[in-house]
Amino acid sequence: MASGGTDDAGALSRYELNVVHDNESTDDADGICDFGGIHLANGGSAEPIFITSNIFANITAYHNGGSGVYMDVSSNGMQVARNLVYNVTAGAMDWNVNPGVLQRE
């Protein structure tokens, strides 16, 4: 699953009651570098994206990633709550903060 963008492109989207499982990436140093059961980017947003009451299981990545919830490019305006994440190669949730991307205050 992937969504979002900048300037509220994914604002008020809801990802609820999903079961995401057995996703994997066999990436190497030249392959995909970010990976999760759900991968979102919402830098610069003033409105939230909701990721609620989902199950993310068996998410694996060879080199980098493998989180249940992956928020990319200094995402903000996200509400992540009541998700079950298990058997992942990285953390349950990963927030990739990029110092070069401005966030809305």
N, C-alpha and C. Protein backbone atom coordinates (compact mmCIF):
# COMPACT_ATOMS: atom_id res chain seq x y z
N MET A 1 0.84 -1.16 0.00
CA MET A 1 0.00 0.00 0.00
C MET A 1 0.89 1.23 0.00
N ALA A 2 0.56 2.21 -0.78
CA ALA A 2 1.31 3.46 -0.77
C ALA A 2 0.35 4.61 -1.04
N SER A 3 0.63 5.76 -0.45
CA SER A 3 -0.25 6.90 -0.65
C SER A 3 0.47 8.17 -0.23
N GLY A 4 -0.19 9.27 -0.45
CA GLY A 4 0.29 10.54 0.08
C GLY A 4 0.98 11.40 -0.96
N GLY A 5 1.78 12.30 -0.48
CA GLY A 5 2.48 13.25 -1.33
C GLY A 5 2.75 14.49 -0.52
N THR A 6 2.65 15.63 -1.14
CA THR A 6 2.87 16.87 -0.41
C THR A 6 1.66 17.76 -0.56
N ASP A 7 1.60 18.75 0.30
CA ASP A 7 0.53 19.75 0.25
C ASP A 7 -0.85 19.13 0.27
N ASP A 8 -1.05 18.22 1.20
CA ASP A 8 -2.35 17.60 1.46
C ASP A 8 -2.87 16.72 0.33
N ALA A 9 -1.99 16.15 -0.48
CA ALA A 9 -2.43 15.28 -1.57
C ALA A 9 -3.19 14.06 -1.06
N GLY A 10 -2.82 13.55 0.11
CA GLY A 10 -3.51 12.39 0.67
C GLY A 10 -4.33 12.73 1.89
N ALA A 11 -4.62 14.01 2.09
CA ALA A 11 -5.28 14.47 3.30
C ALA A 11 -6.60 13.75 3.55
N LEU A 12 -6.80 13.42 4.80
CA LEU A 12 -8.02 12.79 5.30
C LEU A 12 -8.27 11.39 4.71
N SER A 13 -7.24 10.80 4.11
CA SER A 13 -7.35 9.40 3.67
C SER A 13 -7.39 8.52 4.91
N ARG A 14 -8.07 7.39 4.78
CA ARG A 14 -8.17 6.44 5.88
C ARG A 14 -7.78 5.05 5.39
N TYR A 15 -6.89 4.43 6.15
CA TYR A 15 -6.49 3.05 5.91
C TYR A 15 -6.87 2.29 7.17
N GLU A 16 -8.01 1.63 7.13
CA GLU A 16 -8.57 0.99 8.31
C GLU A 16 -9.01 -0.44 8.00
N LEU A 17 -8.84 -1.31 9.00
CA LEU A 17 -9.35 -2.68 8.97
C LEU A 17 -8.79 -3.50 7.81
N ASN A 18 -7.51 -3.33 7.51
CA ASN A 18 -6.85 -4.10 6.47
C ASN A 18 -5.97 -5.17 7.10
N VAL A 19 -5.78 -6.25 6.37
CA VAL A 19 -4.80 -7.26 6.74
C VAL A 19 -3.78 -7.31 5.61
N VAL A 20 -2.56 -6.92 5.91
CA VAL A 20 -1.48 -6.88 4.93
C VAL A 20 -0.43 -7.87 5.42
N HIS A 21 -0.12 -8.87 4.60
CA HIS A 21 0.80 -9.90 5.08
C HIS A 21 1.63 -10.48 3.93
N ASP A 22 2.73 -11.09 4.32
CA ASP A 22 3.61 -11.80 3.40
C ASP A 22 4.13 -10.93 2.26
N ASN A 23 4.44 -9.68 2.58
CA ASN A 23 5.09 -8.79 1.61
C ASN A 23 6.58 -8.86 1.84
N GLU A 24 7.33 -8.96 0.76
CA GLU A 24 8.77 -9.00 0.92
C GLU A 24 9.47 -8.28 -0.21
N SER A 25 10.67 -7.87 0.10
CA SER A 25 11.52 -7.24 -0.90
C SER A 25 12.85 -7.97 -0.85
N THR A 26 13.30 -8.41 -2.00
CA THR A 26 14.60 -9.08 -2.07
C THR A 26 15.64 -8.11 -2.58
N ASP A 27 15.52 -6.87 -2.12
CA ASP A 27 16.40 -5.80 -2.59
C ASP A 27 17.85 -6.07 -2.21
N ASP A 28 18.72 -5.39 -2.90
CA ASP A 28 20.13 -5.39 -2.56
C ASP A 28 20.58 -3.94 -2.47
N ALA A 29 21.84 -3.69 -2.44
CA ALA A 29 22.33 -2.32 -2.30
C ALA A 29 21.85 -1.41 -3.43
N ASP A 30 21.54 -1.96 -4.59
CA ASP A 30 21.07 -1.16 -5.72
C ASP A 30 19.55 -1.17 -5.86
N GLY A 31 18.87 -1.89 -5.00
CA GLY A 31 17.43 -2.04 -5.14
C GLY A 31 16.66 -1.04 -4.30
N ILE A 32 15.41 -1.39 -4.01
CA ILE A 32 14.53 -0.53 -3.22
C ILE A 32 15.14 -0.29 -1.84
N CYS A 33 15.03 0.92 -1.35
CA CYS A 33 15.69 1.21 -0.08
C CYS A 33 14.70 1.42 1.07
N ASP A 34 13.44 1.60 0.80
CA ASP A 34 12.43 1.81 1.84
C ASP A 34 11.29 0.84 1.58
N PHE A 35 10.81 0.22 2.65
CA PHE A 35 9.78 -0.80 2.43
C PHE A 35 8.97 -1.00 3.69
N GLY A 36 7.66 -1.14 3.55
CA GLY A 36 6.81 -1.43 4.69
C GLY A 36 5.50 -2.02 4.25
N GLY A 37 4.74 -2.54 5.20
CA GLY A 37 3.41 -3.06 4.91
C GLY A 37 2.53 -1.97 4.33
N ILE A 38 2.70 -0.77 4.84
CA ILE A 38 2.10 0.43 4.24
C ILE A 38 3.20 1.48 4.21
N HIS A 39 3.34 2.15 3.08
CA HIS A 39 4.41 3.12 2.86
C HIS A 39 3.74 4.42 2.43
N LEU A 40 3.85 5.43 3.25
CA LEU A 40 3.18 6.70 2.99
C LEU A 40 4.17 7.85 3.01
N ALA A 41 3.87 8.88 2.25
CA ALA A 41 4.62 10.13 2.30
C ALA A 41 3.63 11.28 2.32
N ASN A 42 3.75 12.16 3.29
CA ASN A 42 2.81 13.25 3.43
C ASN A 42 3.51 14.49 3.97
N GLY A 43 4.70 14.76 3.49
CA GLY A 43 5.44 15.93 3.95
C GLY A 43 4.74 17.21 3.55
N GLY A 44 4.65 18.15 4.45
CA GLY A 44 4.03 19.43 4.17
C GLY A 44 2.54 19.47 4.37
N SER A 45 1.96 18.40 4.85
CA SER A 45 0.51 18.35 5.01
C SER A 45 0.05 19.04 6.29
N ALA A 46 -1.08 19.68 6.22
CA ALA A 46 -1.71 20.24 7.41
C ALA A 46 -2.87 19.36 7.87
N GLU A 47 -3.30 18.44 7.04
CA GLU A 47 -4.42 17.55 7.34
C GLU A 47 -3.89 16.13 7.55
N PRO A 48 -4.52 15.36 8.42
CA PRO A 48 -4.00 14.03 8.74
C PRO A 48 -4.37 12.95 7.73
N ILE A 49 -3.58 11.89 7.79
CA ILE A 49 -3.90 10.61 7.17
C ILE A 49 -4.05 9.64 8.33
N PHE A 50 -5.07 8.80 8.31
CA PHE A 50 -5.36 7.90 9.41
C PHE A 50 -4.97 6.47 9.04
N ILE A 51 -4.16 5.83 9.87
CA ILE A 51 -3.77 4.44 9.71
C ILE A 51 -4.19 3.75 11.00
N THR A 52 -5.34 3.08 10.97
CA THR A 52 -5.98 2.63 12.20
C THR A 52 -6.51 1.21 12.08
N SER A 53 -6.28 0.42 13.12
CA SER A 53 -6.88 -0.91 13.28
C SER A 53 -6.57 -1.85 12.12
N ASN A 54 -5.31 -1.91 11.73
CA ASN A 54 -4.85 -2.79 10.67
C ASN A 54 -3.97 -3.89 11.25
N ILE A 55 -3.74 -4.93 10.48
CA ILE A 55 -2.78 -5.98 10.83
C ILE A 55 -1.72 -6.01 9.74
N PHE A 56 -0.45 -5.89 10.15
CA PHE A 56 0.69 -5.98 9.24
C PHE A 56 1.57 -7.13 9.74
N ALA A 57 1.72 -8.17 8.93
CA ALA A 57 2.46 -9.35 9.38
C ALA A 57 3.35 -9.89 8.28
N ASN A 58 4.48 -10.46 8.68
CA ASN A 58 5.41 -11.10 7.76
C ASN A 58 5.88 -10.13 6.67
N ILE A 59 6.37 -8.97 7.09
CA ILE A 59 6.90 -7.97 6.18
C ILE A 59 8.43 -8.07 6.28
N THR A 60 9.06 -8.43 5.18
CA THR A 60 10.51 -8.63 5.22
C THR A 60 11.20 -7.86 4.11
N ALA A 61 12.43 -7.49 4.38
CA ALA A 61 13.26 -6.83 3.38
C ALA A 61 14.68 -7.37 3.56
N TYR A 62 15.34 -7.59 2.47
CA TYR A 62 16.69 -8.15 2.49
C TYR A 62 17.69 -7.18 3.09
N HIS A 63 17.63 -5.90 2.68
CA HIS A 63 18.68 -4.95 3.06
C HIS A 63 18.18 -3.81 3.93
N ASN A 64 17.10 -3.15 3.57
CA ASN A 64 16.68 -1.95 4.26
C ASN A 64 15.16 -1.88 4.26
N GLY A 65 14.58 -1.65 5.37
CA GLY A 65 13.12 -1.57 5.47
C GLY A 65 12.56 -2.81 6.13
N GLY A 66 11.35 -3.12 5.80
CA GLY A 66 10.67 -4.25 6.39
C GLY A 66 9.88 -3.87 7.63
N SER A 67 9.36 -2.65 7.66
CA SER A 67 8.55 -2.17 8.78
C SER A 67 7.08 -2.46 8.51
N GLY A 68 6.28 -2.43 9.57
CA GLY A 68 4.84 -2.54 9.39
C GLY A 68 4.28 -1.27 8.77
N VAL A 69 4.59 -0.12 9.37
CA VAL A 69 4.16 1.19 8.89
C VAL A 69 5.41 2.00 8.58
N TYR A 70 5.56 2.45 7.34
CA TYR A 70 6.73 3.23 6.94
C TYR A 70 6.27 4.60 6.48
N MET A 71 6.63 5.63 7.26
CA MET A 71 6.29 7.01 6.92
C MET A 71 7.54 7.65 6.33
N ASP A 72 7.47 8.06 5.08
CA ASP A 72 8.65 8.49 4.33
C ASP A 72 8.73 10.01 4.19
N VAL A 73 9.89 10.49 3.89
CA VAL A 73 10.21 11.87 3.51
C VAL A 73 9.63 12.89 4.50
N SER A 74 10.01 12.75 5.76
CA SER A 74 9.59 13.69 6.80
C SER A 74 8.09 13.87 6.86
N SER A 75 7.36 12.80 6.72
CA SER A 75 5.90 12.87 6.76
C SER A 75 5.42 13.46 8.08
N ASN A 76 4.34 14.18 8.00
CA ASN A 76 3.69 14.70 9.20
C ASN A 76 2.19 14.62 8.98
N GLY A 77 1.42 14.95 9.97
CA GLY A 77 -0.02 14.91 9.85
C GLY A 77 -0.56 13.49 9.73
N MET A 78 0.08 12.53 10.40
CA MET A 78 -0.38 11.15 10.35
C MET A 78 -0.85 10.73 11.73
N GLN A 79 -1.96 10.02 11.76
CA GLN A 79 -2.42 9.42 13.00
C GLN A 79 -2.32 7.92 12.83
N VAL A 80 -1.43 7.30 13.60
CA VAL A 80 -1.20 5.87 13.54
C VAL A 80 -1.63 5.30 14.89
N ALA A 81 -2.68 4.46 14.90
CA ALA A 81 -3.21 3.97 16.17
C ALA A 81 -3.81 2.58 16.01
N ARG A 82 -3.72 1.79 17.07
CA ARG A 82 -4.39 0.48 17.19
C ARG A 82 -4.07 -0.48 16.05
N ASN A 83 -2.83 -0.50 15.60
CA ASN A 83 -2.41 -1.45 14.57
C ASN A 83 -1.66 -2.59 15.24
N LEU A 84 -1.82 -3.79 14.71
CA LEU A 84 -1.07 -4.95 15.17
C LEU A 84 0.01 -5.23 14.14
N VAL A 85 1.27 -5.22 14.57
CA VAL A 85 2.40 -5.45 13.68
C VAL A 85 3.24 -6.56 14.29
N TYR A 86 3.51 -7.62 13.51
CA TYR A 86 4.36 -8.68 14.02
C TYR A 86 5.11 -9.37 12.89
N ASN A 87 6.20 -10.01 13.28
CA ASN A 87 7.08 -10.73 12.37
C ASN A 87 7.53 -9.86 11.20
N VAL A 88 8.19 -8.74 11.54
CA VAL A 88 8.76 -7.83 10.55
C VAL A 88 10.27 -7.77 10.75
N THR A 89 11.03 -7.47 9.69
CA THR A 89 12.48 -7.44 9.82
C THR A 89 12.99 -6.14 10.42
N ALA A 90 12.22 -5.09 10.40
CA ALA A 90 12.60 -3.82 11.03
C ALA A 90 11.61 -3.56 12.17
N GLY A 91 11.41 -2.31 12.52
CA GLY A 91 10.51 -1.96 13.60
C GLY A 91 9.05 -2.00 13.18
N ALA A 92 8.20 -1.93 14.15
CA ALA A 92 6.76 -1.88 13.88
C ALA A 92 6.41 -0.65 13.05
N MET A 93 7.10 0.48 13.35
CA MET A 93 6.84 1.73 12.65
C MET A 93 8.18 2.42 12.40
N ASP A 94 8.34 3.00 11.22
CA ASP A 94 9.57 3.71 10.89
C ASP A 94 9.20 5.07 10.31
N TRP A 95 9.78 6.13 10.87
CA TRP A 95 9.55 7.49 10.37
C TRP A 95 10.87 7.98 9.81
N ASN A 96 10.95 8.06 8.49
CA ASN A 96 12.15 8.50 7.79
C ASN A 96 12.18 10.01 7.74
N VAL A 97 13.00 10.61 8.58
CA VAL A 97 13.09 12.07 8.64
C VAL A 97 14.22 12.52 7.72
N ASN A 98 13.88 13.37 6.77
CA ASN A 98 14.84 13.90 5.81
C ASN A 98 15.04 15.38 6.12
N PRO A 99 16.22 15.78 6.62
CA PRO A 99 16.44 17.18 6.98
C PRO A 99 16.23 18.17 5.84
N GLY A 100 16.30 17.71 4.59
CA GLY A 100 16.15 18.61 3.46
C GLY A 100 14.71 18.87 3.05
N VAL A 101 13.76 18.23 3.72
CA VAL A 101 12.34 18.38 3.38
C VAL A 101 11.68 19.21 4.46
N LEU A 102 11.10 20.33 4.07
CA LEU A 102 10.44 21.21 5.03
C LEU A 102 9.10 20.64 5.44
N GLN A 103 8.74 20.87 6.68
CA GLN A 103 7.44 20.46 7.17
C GLN A 103 6.61 21.70 7.50
N ARG A 104 5.33 21.56 7.37
CA ARG A 104 4.41 22.64 7.72
C ARG A 104 4.26 22.66 9.23
N GLU A 105 4.24 23.82 9.84
CA GLU A 105 4.09 23.93 11.30
C GLU A 105 2.70 24.31 11.67
